[in-house]
Amino acid sequence: MSTEPAAESTQGLDYQAEEYVHAETPDQLKALGHSLRMRILDLLNERAASVTELAAALERPKGTIGYHVKVLEEAGFVRVVRTRQVRAITEKFYGRVAHTVVFHGMPESSDKLWMLHEAAERAVVEEGAALPATTLRYVRMSEAQAAEFWERVLDLAIEFAKAPRSGDRVYGLLGAVFPTDDPTLPDGEEA
């Protein structure tokens, strides 16, 4: 492994990452079912970081963060992107495998709204601020149309994740296209 930081990628990171990775297996979904691991992934969207740096940013013990990083590494979401020697110890810097994780299924021990709960827990609401802003819509359409909308949402999420890092606040983006059991009206008569 290189001991020098990688050149800035076109994606704003100091290491290369794929556009997205799919979370499909039970082990992958279980790995993402813990809010601390999600926060680690969020921090690694900024730049590569060591367990020590992650522990300081998250105000948690290094052993705790090391455990969660190992779970993410074994599930295929993070990898060592470089190392450096610190006295007699090799310090590892971890990076995300991909900018965006696409979920297929539900993380273990979560309910159907786990992402909404996560967003609600982390959202900061300040009186008079322009954000947060949300919208929720339901539309009857074909599965193919819904899949097309999902691809556009995914493209927007990737663009969001690759935005240049600046400012003093982290913003979140939550998007979903999902089927419902809502009733439909019969097609109307033409006038």
C-alpha atoms as a PDB file:
ATOM      1  CA  MET A   1       0.000   0.000   0.000  1.00  0.00           C
ATOM      2  CA  SER A   2       1.122   3.533  -0.675  1.00  0.00           C
ATOM      3  CA  THR A   3       2.142   5.663   2.257  1.00  0.00           C
ATOM      4  CA  GLU A   4       1.268   8.808   0.341  1.00  0.00           C
ATOM      5  CA  PRO A   5      -2.276  10.145  -0.020  1.00  0.00           C
ATOM      6  CA  ALA A   6      -3.841   9.424  -3.383  1.00  0.00           C
ATOM      7  CA  ALA A   7      -4.371  12.291  -5.769  1.00  0.00           C
ATOM      8  CA  GLU A   8      -7.760  13.986  -5.501  1.00  0.00           C
ATOM      9  CA  SER A   9     -10.216  12.011  -7.591  1.00  0.00           C
ATOM     10  CA  THR A  10     -12.761  13.593  -9.867  1.00  0.00           C
ATOM     11  CA  GLN A  11     -15.344  12.572  -7.273  1.00  0.00           C
ATOM     12  CA  GLY A  12     -13.945  14.860  -4.551  1.00  0.00           C
ATOM     13  CA  LEU A  13     -12.385  12.063  -2.477  1.00  0.00           C
ATOM     14  CA  ASP A  14      -8.705  11.454  -1.797  1.00  0.00           C
ATOM     15  CA  TYR A  15      -9.174   7.873  -3.031  1.00  0.00           C
ATOM     16  CA  GLN A  16     -11.090   6.166  -5.840  1.00  0.00           C
ATOM     17  CA  ALA A  17     -14.578   4.778  -5.218  1.00  0.00           C
ATOM     18  CA  GLU A  18     -17.202   3.161  -7.412  1.00  0.00           C
ATOM     19  CA  GLU A  19     -20.462   4.979  -8.122  1.00  0.00           C
ATOM     20  CA  TYR A  20     -22.555   2.564  -6.038  1.00  0.00           C
ATOM     21  CA  VAL A  21     -22.556  -0.809  -4.340  1.00  0.00           C
ATOM     22  CA  HIS A  22     -25.592  -3.015  -3.747  1.00  0.00           C
ATOM     23  CA  ALA A  23     -26.489  -4.220  -0.261  1.00  0.00           C
ATOM     24  CA  GLU A  24     -28.192  -7.530  -0.894  1.00  0.00           C
ATOM     25  CA  THR A  25     -26.889 -10.273   1.363  1.00  0.00           C
ATOM     26  CA  PRO A  26     -28.074 -10.801   4.944  1.00  0.00           C
ATOM     27  CA  ASP A  27     -24.562  -9.963   6.227  1.00  0.00           C
ATOM     28  CA  GLN A  28     -24.488  -6.731   4.243  1.00  0.00           C
ATOM     29  CA  LEU A  29     -27.934  -5.704   5.453  1.00  0.00           C
ATOM     30  CA  LYS A  30     -26.980  -6.564   9.031  1.00  0.00           C
ATOM     31  CA  ALA A  31     -23.806  -4.466   8.715  1.00  0.00           C
ATOM     32  CA  LEU A  32     -25.869  -1.459   7.670  1.00  0.00           C
ATOM     33  CA  GLY A  33     -28.453  -1.980  10.408  1.00  0.00           C
ATOM     34  CA  HIS A  34     -26.460   0.001  12.989  1.00  0.00           C
ATOM     35  CA  SER A  35     -26.599   3.795  13.020  1.00  0.00           C
ATOM     36  CA  LEU A  36     -22.949   4.152  14.081  1.00  0.00           C
ATOM     37  CA  ARG A  37     -21.824   2.199  11.032  1.00  0.00           C
ATOM     38  CA  MET A  38     -23.937   4.459   8.822  1.00  0.00           C
ATOM     39  CA  ARG A  39     -22.252   7.493  10.388  1.00  0.00           C
ATOM     40  CA  ILE A  40     -18.830   5.967   9.710  1.00  0.00           C
ATOM     41  CA  LEU A  41     -19.803   5.541   6.051  1.00  0.00           C
ATOM     42  CA  ASP A  42     -20.981   9.155   5.964  1.00  0.00           C
ATOM     43  CA  LEU A  43     -17.658  10.412   7.302  1.00  0.00           C
ATOM     44  CA  LEU A  44     -15.754   8.314   4.779  1.00  0.00           C
ATOM     45  CA  ASN A  45     -17.623  10.116   2.002  1.00  0.00           C
ATOM     46  CA  GLU A  46     -15.528  13.152   3.003  1.00  0.00           C
ATOM     47  CA  ARG A  47     -12.099  11.479   2.766  1.00  0.00           C
ATOM     48  CA  ALA A  48     -10.190   8.417   3.871  1.00  0.00           C
ATOM     49  CA  ALA A  49      -9.764   8.224   7.643  1.00  0.00           C
ATOM     50  CA  SER A  50      -8.079   6.118  10.291  1.00  0.00           C
ATOM     51  CA  VAL A  51      -9.908   4.479  13.165  1.00  0.00           C
ATOM     52  CA  THR A  52      -8.331   7.106  15.434  1.00  0.00           C
ATOM     53  CA  GLU A  53      -9.736   9.959  13.323  1.00  0.00           C
ATOM     54  CA  LEU A  54     -13.167   8.347  13.112  1.00  0.00           C
ATOM     55  CA  ALA A  55     -13.221   7.750  16.884  1.00  0.00           C
ATOM     56  CA  ALA A  56     -12.357  11.405  17.549  1.00  0.00           C
ATOM     57  CA  ALA A  57     -15.001  12.703  15.117  1.00  0.00           C
ATOM     58  CA  LEU A  58     -17.702  10.406  16.525  1.00  0.00           C
ATOM     59  CA  GLU A  59     -16.556  10.837  20.150  1.00  0.00           C
ATOM     60  CA  ARG A  60     -16.423   7.073  20.665  1.00  0.00           C
ATOM     61  CA  PRO A  61     -13.655   4.727  21.887  1.00  0.00           C
ATOM     62  CA  LYS A  62     -11.201   3.520  19.244  1.00  0.00           C
ATOM     63  CA  GLY A  63     -12.044  -0.103  20.077  1.00  0.00           C
ATOM     64  CA  THR A  64     -15.726   0.496  19.361  1.00  0.00           C
ATOM     65  CA  ILE A  65     -15.013   2.243  16.068  1.00  0.00           C
ATOM     66  CA  GLY A  66     -12.445  -0.413  15.114  1.00  0.00           C
ATOM     67  CA  TYR A  67     -15.050  -3.133  15.614  1.00  0.00           C
ATOM     68  CA  HIS A  68     -17.635  -1.340  13.450  1.00  0.00           C
ATOM     69  CA  VAL A  69     -15.095  -0.577  10.713  1.00  0.00           C
ATOM     70  CA  LYS A  70     -14.176  -4.289  10.653  1.00  0.00           C
ATOM     71  CA  VAL A  71     -17.866  -5.220  10.237  1.00  0.00           C
ATOM     72  CA  LEU A  72     -18.160  -2.771   7.332  1.00  0.00           C
ATOM     73  CA  GLU A  73     -14.945  -4.081   5.785  1.00  0.00           C
ATOM     74  CA  GLU A  74     -16.065  -7.717   6.023  1.00  0.00           C
ATOM     75  CA  ALA A  75     -19.408  -6.770   4.428  1.00  0.00           C
ATOM     76  CA  GLY A  76     -17.604  -5.132   1.494  1.00  0.00           C
ATOM     77  CA  PHE A  77     -18.484  -1.479   2.144  1.00  0.00           C
ATOM     78  CA  VAL A  78     -15.073  -0.108   3.193  1.00  0.00           C
ATOM     79  CA  ARG A  79     -11.478  -1.008   2.392  1.00  0.00           C
ATOM     80  CA  VAL A  80      -7.986   0.102   3.318  1.00  0.00           C
ATOM     81  CA  VAL A  81      -7.010   2.760   0.773  1.00  0.00           C
ATOM     82  CA  ARG A  82      -3.556   3.619   2.171  1.00  0.00           C
ATOM     83  CA  THR A  83      -1.304   3.173   5.169  1.00  0.00           C
ATOM     84  CA  ARG A  84       1.395   5.110   6.975  1.00  0.00           C
ATOM     85  CA  GLN A  85       3.965   4.277   9.613  1.00  0.00           C
ATOM     86  CA  VAL A  86       3.448   5.922  12.999  1.00  0.00           C
ATOM     87  CA  ARG A  87       6.435   4.934  15.110  1.00  0.00           C
ATOM     88  CA  ALA A  88       6.370   1.113  15.067  1.00  0.00           C
ATOM     89  CA  ILE A  89       2.704   0.826  14.069  1.00  0.00           C
ATOM     90  CA  THR A  90       1.145   0.769  10.603  1.00  0.00           C
ATOM     91  CA  GLU A  91      -1.879   3.086  10.597  1.00  0.00           C
ATOM     92  CA  LYS A  92      -4.612   2.111   8.129  1.00  0.00           C
ATOM     93  CA  PHE A  93      -6.798   4.642   6.349  1.00  0.00           C
ATOM     94  CA  TYR A  94     -10.196   3.381   5.291  1.00  0.00           C
ATOM     95  CA  GLY A  95     -12.360   4.538   2.419  1.00  0.00           C
ATOM     96  CA  ARG A  96     -15.728   3.593   1.036  1.00  0.00           C
ATOM     97  CA  VAL A  97     -15.965   1.035  -1.731  1.00  0.00           C
ATOM     98  CA  ALA A  98     -18.648   3.213  -3.378  1.00  0.00           C
ATOM     99  CA  HIS A  99     -20.234   6.626  -2.935  1.00  0.00           C
ATOM    100  CA  THR A 100     -23.764   5.276  -2.654  1.00  0.00           C
ATOM    101  CA  VAL A 101     -25.175   2.106  -1.123  1.00  0.00           C
ATOM    102  CA  VAL A 102     -28.312   0.809  -2.859  1.00  0.00           C
ATOM    103  CA  PHE A 103     -30.464  -1.310  -0.552  1.00  0.00           C
ATOM    104  CA  HIS A 104     -32.263  -4.454  -1.638  1.00  0.00           C
ATOM    105  CA  GLY A 105     -34.217  -5.492   1.422  1.00  0.00           C
ATOM    106  CA  MET A 106     -34.192  -4.284   4.992  1.00  0.00           C
ATOM    107  CA  PRO A 107     -31.274  -4.174   7.424  1.00  0.00           C
ATOM    108  CA  GLU A 108     -31.609  -6.674  10.253  1.00  0.00           C
ATOM    109  CA  SER A 109     -33.667  -5.557  13.258  1.00  0.00           C
ATOM    110  CA  SER A 110     -35.154  -2.580  11.473  1.00  0.00           C
ATOM    111  CA  ASP A 111     -38.661  -1.626  10.625  1.00  0.00           C
ATOM    112  CA  LYS A 112     -39.885  -0.525   7.208  1.00  0.00           C
ATOM    113  CA  LEU A 113     -39.215   3.113   8.089  1.00  0.00           C
ATOM    114  CA  TRP A 114     -35.681   2.727   9.424  1.00  0.00           C
ATOM    115  CA  MET A 115     -34.228   5.292   7.021  1.00  0.00           C
ATOM    116  CA  LEU A 116     -36.919   7.794   7.949  1.00  0.00           C
ATOM    117  CA  HIS A 117     -36.191   7.261  11.647  1.00  0.00           C
ATOM    118  CA  GLU A 118     -32.467   7.727  10.982  1.00  0.00           C
ATOM    119  CA  ALA A 119     -33.110  10.951   9.042  1.00  0.00           C
ATOM    120  CA  ALA A 120     -35.513  12.265  11.691  1.00  0.00           C
ATOM    121  CA  GLU A 121     -32.996  11.560  14.462  1.00  0.00           C
ATOM    122  CA  ARG A 122     -30.198  13.395  12.689  1.00  0.00           C
ATOM    123  CA  ALA A 123     -32.162  16.276  11.128  1.00  0.00           C
ATOM    124  CA  VAL A 124     -31.697  19.735  12.600  1.00  0.00           C
ATOM    125  CA  VAL A 125     -34.776  21.942  12.442  1.00  0.00           C
ATOM    126  CA  GLU A 126     -34.178  25.638  13.025  1.00  0.00           C
ATOM    127  CA  GLU A 127     -36.993  28.150  12.978  1.00  0.00           C
ATOM    128  CA  GLY A 128     -36.929  30.310   9.875  1.00  0.00           C
ATOM    129  CA  ALA A 129     -34.393  28.113   8.023  1.00  0.00           C
ATOM    130  CA  ALA A 130     -35.072  27.134   4.403  1.00  0.00           C
ATOM    131  CA  LEU A 131     -34.202  23.501   5.114  1.00  0.00           C
ATOM    132  CA  PRO A 132     -35.265  20.836   5.850  1.00  0.00           C
ATOM    133  CA  ALA A 133     -37.746  20.673   2.989  1.00  0.00           C
ATOM    134  CA  THR A 134     -39.655  17.515   2.132  1.00  0.00           C
ATOM    135  CA  THR A 135     -42.316  16.247  -0.200  1.00  0.00           C
ATOM    136  CA  LEU A 136     -44.248  12.995  -0.370  1.00  0.00           C
ATOM    137  CA  ARG A 137     -46.277  11.982  -3.425  1.00  0.00           C
ATOM    138  CA  TYR A 138     -48.199   8.891  -4.500  1.00  0.00           C
ATOM    139  CA  VAL A 139     -48.926   8.246  -8.181  1.00  0.00           C
ATOM    140  CA  ARG A 140     -50.458   5.280  -9.967  1.00  0.00           C
ATOM    141  CA  MET A 141     -48.028   4.128 -12.681  1.00  0.00           C
ATOM    142  CA  SER A 142     -46.487   1.040 -14.206  1.00  0.00           C
ATOM    143  CA  GLU A 143     -43.588  -0.773 -12.589  1.00  0.00           C
ATOM    144  CA  ALA A 144     -41.420   0.241 -15.557  1.00  0.00           C
ATOM    145  CA  GLN A 145     -42.241   3.915 -14.984  1.00  0.00           C
ATOM    146  CA  ALA A 146     -41.470   3.563 -11.270  1.00  0.00           C
ATOM    147  CA  ALA A 147     -38.132   1.925 -12.131  1.00  0.00           C
ATOM    148  CA  GLU A 148     -37.310   4.865 -14.431  1.00  0.00           C
ATOM    149  CA  PHE A 149     -38.036   7.320 -11.611  1.00  0.00           C
ATOM    150  CA  TRP A 150     -35.854   5.281  -9.262  1.00  0.00           C
ATOM    151  CA  GLU A 151     -32.933   5.500 -11.709  1.00  0.00           C
ATOM    152  CA  ARG A 152     -33.312   9.294 -11.727  1.00  0.00           C
ATOM    153  CA  VAL A 153     -33.449   9.401  -7.915  1.00  0.00           C
ATOM    154  CA  LEU A 154     -30.340   7.208  -7.762  1.00  0.00           C
ATOM    155  CA  ASP A 155     -28.529   9.486 -10.233  1.00  0.00           C
ATOM    156  CA  LEU A 156     -29.424  12.487  -8.058  1.00  0.00           C
ATOM    157  CA  ALA A 157     -28.218  10.676  -4.913  1.00  0.00           C
ATOM    158  CA  ILE A 158     -24.894   9.922  -6.605  1.00  0.00           C
ATOM    159  CA  GLU A 159     -24.555  13.550  -7.702  1.00  0.00           C
ATOM    160  CA  PHE A 160     -25.337  14.636  -4.127  1.00  0.00           C
ATOM    161  CA  ALA A 161     -22.730  12.249  -2.673  1.00  0.00           C
ATOM    162  CA  LYS A 162     -20.081  13.519  -5.094  1.00  0.00           C
ATOM    163  CA  ALA A 163     -20.715  17.218  -4.443  1.00  0.00           C
ATOM    164  CA  PRO A 164     -17.576  19.186  -3.510  1.00  0.00           C
ATOM    165  CA  ARG A 165     -17.102  19.389   0.251  1.00  0.00           C
ATOM    166  CA  SER A 166     -17.504  22.912   1.618  1.00  0.00           C
ATOM    167  CA  GLY A 167     -19.433  24.838   4.237  1.00  0.00           C
ATOM    168  CA  ASP A 168     -19.718  24.044   7.906  1.00  0.00           C
ATOM    169  CA  ARG A 169     -22.781  21.787   7.940  1.00  0.00           C
ATOM    170  CA  VAL A 170     -23.531  18.285   6.669  1.00  0.00           C
ATOM    171  CA  TYR A 171     -26.799  17.867   4.752  1.00  0.00           C
ATOM    172  CA  GLY A 172     -28.708  14.660   4.180  1.00  0.00           C
ATOM    173  CA  LEU A 173     -30.707  13.424   1.196  1.00  0.00           C
ATOM    174  CA  LEU A 174     -33.271  10.645   1.489  1.00  0.00           C
ATOM    175  CA  GLY A 175     -34.986   9.248  -1.590  1.00  0.00           C
ATOM    176  CA  ALA A 176     -37.171   6.249  -2.251  1.00  0.00           C
ATOM    177  CA  VAL A 177     -39.599   4.842  -4.786  1.00  0.00           C
ATOM    178  CA  PHE A 178     -41.773   2.158  -3.270  1.00  0.00           C
ATOM    179  CA  PRO A 179     -44.974   0.203  -3.992  1.00  0.00           C
ATOM    180  CA  THR A 180     -48.017   0.686  -1.774  1.00  0.00           C
ATOM    181  CA  ASP A 181     -51.326  -1.050  -1.191  1.00  0.00           C
ATOM    182  CA  ASP A 182     -53.242   2.194  -1.787  1.00  0.00           C
ATOM    183  CA  PRO A 183     -56.527   1.935  -3.687  1.00  0.00           C
ATOM    184  CA  THR A 184     -56.899   3.251  -7.243  1.00  0.00           C
ATOM    185  CA  LEU A 185     -59.787   4.848  -9.060  1.00  0.00           C
ATOM    186  CA  PRO A 186     -61.078   3.193 -12.203  1.00  0.00           C
ATOM    187  CA  ASP A 187     -60.094   4.931 -15.408  1.00  0.00           C
ATOM    188  CA  GLY A 188     -62.450   7.864 -15.987  1.00  0.00           C
ATOM    189  CA  GLU A 189     -64.862   8.117 -18.892  1.00  0.00           C
ATOM    190  CA  GLU A 190     -63.772  10.307 -21.774  1.00  0.00           C
ATOM    191  CA  ALA A 191     -65.987  13.331 -22.343  1.00  0.00           C
END
